[in-house]
């Protein structure tokens, strides 16, 4: 399992698309936060906080995470190495976990450089260091949970097709629906008191909650449930070859 985990990371980091994906994430967040004169611009807002990053990052993650996971199984099937992978002395669960954990490491590598923004606003704060670090670290935890959820969805979509492009599109659509779809249903206001429950089924509701800096066990359980559910779907899909 460890060998497959390391192989997945090396393949991604040795490919051009790996560096393109991570560079696009960092360039987009950097430009919107520090250069473009928009509502996300920290200097224009005049507040020493990174709320703009955590509002912008989920939008970028909708493209970043599916781009990381789209080749997980789709490429194996396209190149004909899927059969070789399945003959390895690994269970289906271990194969899924190895590829999934590799995706998490790549997401973490993409997010890690944004810590320079934390140092920047710490220095720019008036007085220096006047920053709500609790809310900021809570937001980072929420962002990593969001990335982990999107990765489990992307992994499942990669198992549905042998085309990376189709896998990418399916993952983007499914992530978008689970992120904002329930909020849209809630905004229609057709379900009365049940609307609150419907809204709580969406990822955005729990991401916004944990981003306030308060780690609520309900939010943690929700994200872990989403991750577990789609990893189970992936395992069932992988096992379907035996049916």
Protein backbone atom coordinates (compact mmCIF):
# COMPACT_ATOMS: atom_id res chain seq x y z
CA UNK A 1 0.00 0.00 0.00
CA UNK A 2 2.83 2.36 0.88
CA UNK A 3 4.52 1.72 -2.48
CA UNK A 4 1.33 2.58 -4.36
CA UNK A 5 0.89 5.69 -2.21
CA UNK A 6 4.41 6.93 -3.03
CA UNK A 7 3.99 6.00 -6.71
CA UNK A 8 0.84 8.13 -7.00
CA UNK A 9 2.56 11.17 -5.51
CA UNK A 10 5.63 10.74 -7.74
CA UNK A 11 3.54 10.33 -10.90
CA UNK A 12 1.64 13.53 -10.18
CA UNK A 13 4.72 15.55 -9.23
CA UNK A 14 6.66 14.28 -12.24
CA UNK A 15 3.90 15.33 -14.63
CA UNK A 16 3.45 18.79 -16.10
CA UNK A 17 -0.19 18.91 -15.11
CA UNK A 18 0.76 18.50 -11.45
CA UNK A 19 2.76 21.71 -11.38
CA UNK A 20 0.23 23.49 -13.59
CA UNK A 21 -2.62 22.64 -11.20
CA UNK A 22 -0.77 23.81 -8.10
CA UNK A 23 0.58 26.92 -9.84
CA UNK A 24 -2.89 27.90 -11.04
CA UNK A 25 -4.26 27.61 -7.49
CA UNK A 26 -1.51 29.77 -6.01
CA UNK A 27 -1.57 32.32 -8.85
CA UNK A 28 -5.34 32.74 -8.76
CA UNK A 29 -5.53 33.16 -5.00
CA UNK A 30 -2.51 35.49 -5.01
CA UNK A 31 -3.89 37.71 -7.77
CA UNK A 32 -7.36 37.96 -6.28
CA UNK A 33 -6.09 38.58 -2.75
CA UNK A 34 -3.31 41.06 -3.46
CA UNK A 35 -3.52 42.44 -7.01
CA UNK A 36 -6.99 42.65 -8.56
CA UNK A 37 -9.05 45.57 -7.20
CA UNK A 38 -12.04 43.44 -6.18
CA UNK A 39 -13.95 42.60 -3.01
CA UNK A 40 -11.46 39.78 -2.31
CA UNK A 41 -8.47 42.17 -2.21
CA UNK A 42 -7.05 42.23 1.34
CA UNK A 43 -5.33 45.60 0.94
CA UNK A 44 -8.52 47.26 -0.31
CA UNK A 45 -10.62 45.74 2.47
CA UNK A 46 -8.38 47.25 5.11
CA UNK A 47 -8.78 44.32 7.54
CA UNK A 48 -6.00 41.99 8.66
CA UNK A 49 -7.80 38.71 8.02
CA UNK A 50 -7.86 35.97 5.44
CA UNK A 51 -11.63 35.61 5.08
CA UNK A 52 -11.23 36.49 1.40
CA UNK A 53 -8.98 33.45 0.89
CA UNK A 54 -11.47 31.10 2.50
CA UNK A 55 -14.32 32.55 0.44
CA UNK A 56 -12.34 32.21 -2.78
CA UNK A 57 -10.58 28.88 -2.16
CA UNK A 58 -13.69 26.64 -2.41
CA UNK A 59 -14.39 28.05 -5.88
CA UNK A 60 -10.83 27.27 -6.95
CA UNK A 61 -11.02 23.87 -5.24
CA UNK A 62 -13.93 22.98 -7.52
CA UNK A 63 -11.38 22.87 -10.33
CA UNK A 64 -8.19 22.04 -8.44
CA UNK A 65 -9.29 18.86 -6.63
CA UNK A 66 -11.00 17.17 -9.63
CA UNK A 67 -7.85 17.94 -11.63
CA UNK A 68 -5.80 16.09 -9.00
CA UNK A 69 -8.11 13.06 -8.78
CA UNK A 70 -9.21 12.73 -12.41
CA UNK A 71 -6.31 10.46 -13.38
CA UNK A 72 -6.52 8.20 -10.30
CA UNK A 73 -8.33 5.33 -12.01
CA UNK A 74 -9.33 6.79 -15.38
CA UNK A 75 -5.71 6.81 -16.55
CA UNK A 76 -5.15 3.26 -15.25
CA UNK A 77 -8.10 2.05 -17.33
CA UNK A 78 -7.10 4.04 -20.41
CA UNK A 79 -3.53 2.73 -20.45
CA UNK A 80 -4.56 -0.83 -19.60
CA UNK A 81 -2.65 -0.94 -16.30
CA UNK A 82 -5.82 -1.40 -14.25
CA UNK A 83 -5.58 -5.19 -14.53
CA UNK A 84 -1.97 -5.06 -13.37
CA UNK A 85 -2.96 -2.88 -10.43
CA UNK A 86 -5.69 -5.30 -9.41
CA UNK A 87 -3.27 -8.26 -9.45
CA UNK A 88 -1.07 -6.61 -6.84
CA UNK A 89 -1.18 -8.17 -3.35
CA UNK A 90 -3.50 -5.42 -2.16
CA UNK A 91 -7.17 -5.45 -1.24
CA UNK A 92 -9.61 -3.11 -2.98
CA UNK A 93 -9.78 -1.07 0.21
CA UNK A 94 -6.01 -0.63 0.30
CA UNK A 95 -5.90 0.46 -3.35
CA UNK A 96 -8.64 3.04 -2.75
CA UNK A 97 -6.98 4.35 0.43
CA UNK A 98 -3.51 4.56 -1.13
CA UNK A 99 -4.76 6.66 -4.04
CA UNK A 100 -7.00 8.74 -1.80
CA UNK A 101 -4.27 9.51 0.75
CA UNK A 102 -1.93 10.49 -2.09
CA UNK A 103 -4.58 12.96 -3.28
CA UNK A 104 -4.81 14.42 0.23
CA UNK A 105 -1.04 14.94 0.35
CA UNK A 106 -1.15 16.76 -3.00
CA UNK A 107 -3.98 19.00 -1.76
CA UNK A 108 -1.98 19.78 1.37
CA UNK A 109 1.10 20.61 -0.74
CA UNK A 110 -1.05 23.01 -2.79
CA UNK A 111 -2.48 24.74 0.28
CA UNK A 112 0.73 24.89 2.34
CA UNK A 113 2.34 27.85 0.47
CA UNK A 114 -0.68 30.02 1.36
CA UNK A 115 0.72 30.17 4.90
CA UNK A 116 2.85 33.04 3.56
CA UNK A 117 -0.41 35.00 3.47
CA UNK A 118 -0.82 34.37 7.21
CA UNK A 119 2.62 35.83 7.86
CA UNK A 120 1.84 38.78 5.58
CA UNK A 121 -1.34 39.84 7.34
CA UNK A 122 0.31 39.20 10.73
CA UNK A 123 2.94 41.79 9.80
CA UNK A 124 0.45 44.15 8.15
CA UNK A 125 -1.95 44.12 11.09
CA UNK A 126 -2.23 47.24 13.22
CA UNK A 127 -0.93 46.80 15.79
CA UNK A 128 1.34 44.08 14.47
CA UNK A 129 -0.12 40.65 15.14
CA UNK A 130 -3.68 41.93 15.59
CA UNK A 131 -5.18 38.88 13.86
CA UNK A 132 -7.89 36.42 14.90
CA UNK A 133 -5.70 33.33 14.67
CA UNK A 134 -8.40 31.02 16.07
CA UNK A 135 -10.81 31.79 13.23
CA UNK A 136 -7.97 31.53 10.73
CA UNK A 137 -6.82 28.08 11.79
CA UNK A 138 -10.44 26.96 11.98
CA UNK A 139 -10.84 28.11 8.39
CA UNK A 140 -7.76 26.15 7.33
CA UNK A 141 -9.16 23.03 9.00
CA UNK A 142 -12.45 23.59 7.17
CA UNK A 143 -10.60 24.07 3.89
CA UNK A 144 -8.70 20.81 4.30
CA UNK A 145 -11.92 18.96 5.15
CA UNK A 146 -13.51 20.52 2.07
CA UNK A 147 -10.58 19.35 -0.07
CA UNK A 148 -10.78 15.87 1.46
CA UNK A 149 -14.51 15.68 0.66
CA UNK A 150 -14.00 16.85 -2.92
CA UNK A 151 -11.15 14.32 -3.28
CA UNK A 152 -13.40 11.41 -2.27
CA UNK A 153 -16.00 12.57 -4.79
CA UNK A 154 -13.35 12.98 -7.50
CA UNK A 155 -11.97 9.51 -6.78
CA UNK A 156 -15.41 7.98 -7.26
CA UNK A 157 -15.93 9.86 -10.55
CA UNK A 158 -12.54 8.66 -11.80
CA UNK A 159 -13.77 5.06 -11.38
CA UNK A 160 -16.80 5.70 -13.58
CA UNK A 161 -14.91 6.34 -16.82
CA UNK A 162 -11.62 5.81 -18.64
CA UNK A 163 -11.52 9.46 -19.76
CA UNK A 164 -9.78 11.98 -17.54
CA UNK A 165 -11.79 14.81 -19.08
CA UNK A 166 -15.12 13.11 -18.41
CA UNK A 167 -13.96 12.27 -14.88
CA UNK A 168 -13.00 15.91 -14.32
CA UNK A 169 -16.35 17.24 -15.57
CA UNK A 170 -18.37 14.72 -13.53
CA UNK A 171 -16.41 15.55 -10.38
CA UNK A 172 -16.82 19.31 -10.87
CA UNK A 173 -20.57 18.96 -11.36
CA UNK A 174 -21.07 16.62 -8.41
CA UNK A 175 -18.90 18.73 -6.09
CA UNK A 176 -20.78 21.86 -7.12
CA UNK A 177 -24.17 20.25 -6.46
CA UNK A 178 -23.13 19.01 -3.02
CA UNK A 179 -21.49 22.33 -2.21
CA UNK A 180 -24.21 24.80 -3.25
CA UNK A 181 -27.13 22.69 -4.49
CA UNK A 182 -28.80 22.34 -1.10
CA UNK A 183 -28.34 26.05 -0.42
CA UNK A 184 -30.16 26.78 -3.66
CA UNK A 185 -33.05 24.50 -2.67
CA UNK A 186 -33.19 26.25 0.72
CA UNK A 187 -33.27 29.68 -0.95
CA UNK A 188 -36.38 28.70 -2.95
CA UNK A 189 -38.19 28.60 0.40
CA UNK A 190 -40.74 25.95 -0.57
CA UNK A 191 -40.17 23.53 2.30
CA UNK A 192 -40.94 25.64 5.37
CA UNK A 193 -39.17 24.48 8.52
CA UNK A 194 -37.67 21.54 6.65
CA UNK A 195 -35.59 24.05 4.66
CA UNK A 196 -33.08 24.35 7.49
CA UNK A 197 -32.55 20.59 7.46
CA UNK A 198 -32.13 20.61 3.67
CA UNK A 199 -29.56 23.40 3.94
CA UNK A 200 -27.62 21.43 6.56
CA UNK A 201 -27.15 18.63 4.01
CA UNK A 202 -24.94 20.89 1.89
CA UNK A 203 -21.17 21.12 2.23
CA UNK A 204 -21.17 24.93 2.20
CA UNK A 205 -23.27 25.09 5.39
CA UNK A 206 -20.74 23.07 7.38
CA UNK A 207 -17.74 24.71 5.73
CA UNK A 208 -19.04 28.15 6.72
CA UNK A 209 -19.71 26.89 10.24
CA UNK A 210 -16.24 25.48 10.85
CA UNK A 211 -14.62 28.53 9.21
CA UNK A 212 -15.84 30.70 12.09
CA UNK A 213 -13.14 29.13 14.23
CA UNK A 214 -15.42 26.97 16.37
CA UNK A 215 -14.78 23.26 15.84
CA UNK A 216 -18.24 21.71 16.10
CA UNK A 217 -18.36 17.91 16.23
CA UNK A 218 -21.44 17.99 13.98
CA UNK A 219 -19.37 19.58 11.22
CA UNK A 220 -16.55 17.07 11.70
CA UNK A 221 -18.98 14.16 11.60
CA UNK A 222 -20.62 15.56 8.46
CA UNK A 223 -17.34 15.83 6.54
CA UNK A 224 -16.18 12.39 7.69
CA UNK A 225 -19.54 10.97 6.60
CA UNK A 226 -19.22 12.46 3.11
CA UNK A 227 -15.67 11.14 2.79
CA UNK A 228 -16.60 7.67 4.05
CA UNK A 229 -19.71 7.49 1.85
CA UNK A 230 -17.88 8.22 -1.41
CA UNK A 231 -14.94 5.99 -0.53
CA UNK A 232 -17.49 3.22 0.03
CA UNK A 233 -19.04 4.01 -3.36
CA UNK A 234 -15.57 3.79 -4.89
CA UNK A 235 -14.91 0.44 -3.28
CA UNK A 236 -18.28 -0.92 -4.46
CA UNK A 237 -17.55 0.28 -7.98
CA UNK A 238 -14.14 -1.39 -7.92
CA UNK A 239 -15.67 -4.61 -6.61
CA UNK A 240 -18.36 -4.57 -9.30
CA UNK A 241 -15.87 -6.12 -11.73
CA UNK A 242 -16.44 -9.41 -9.87
CA UNK A 243 -20.20 -9.35 -10.28
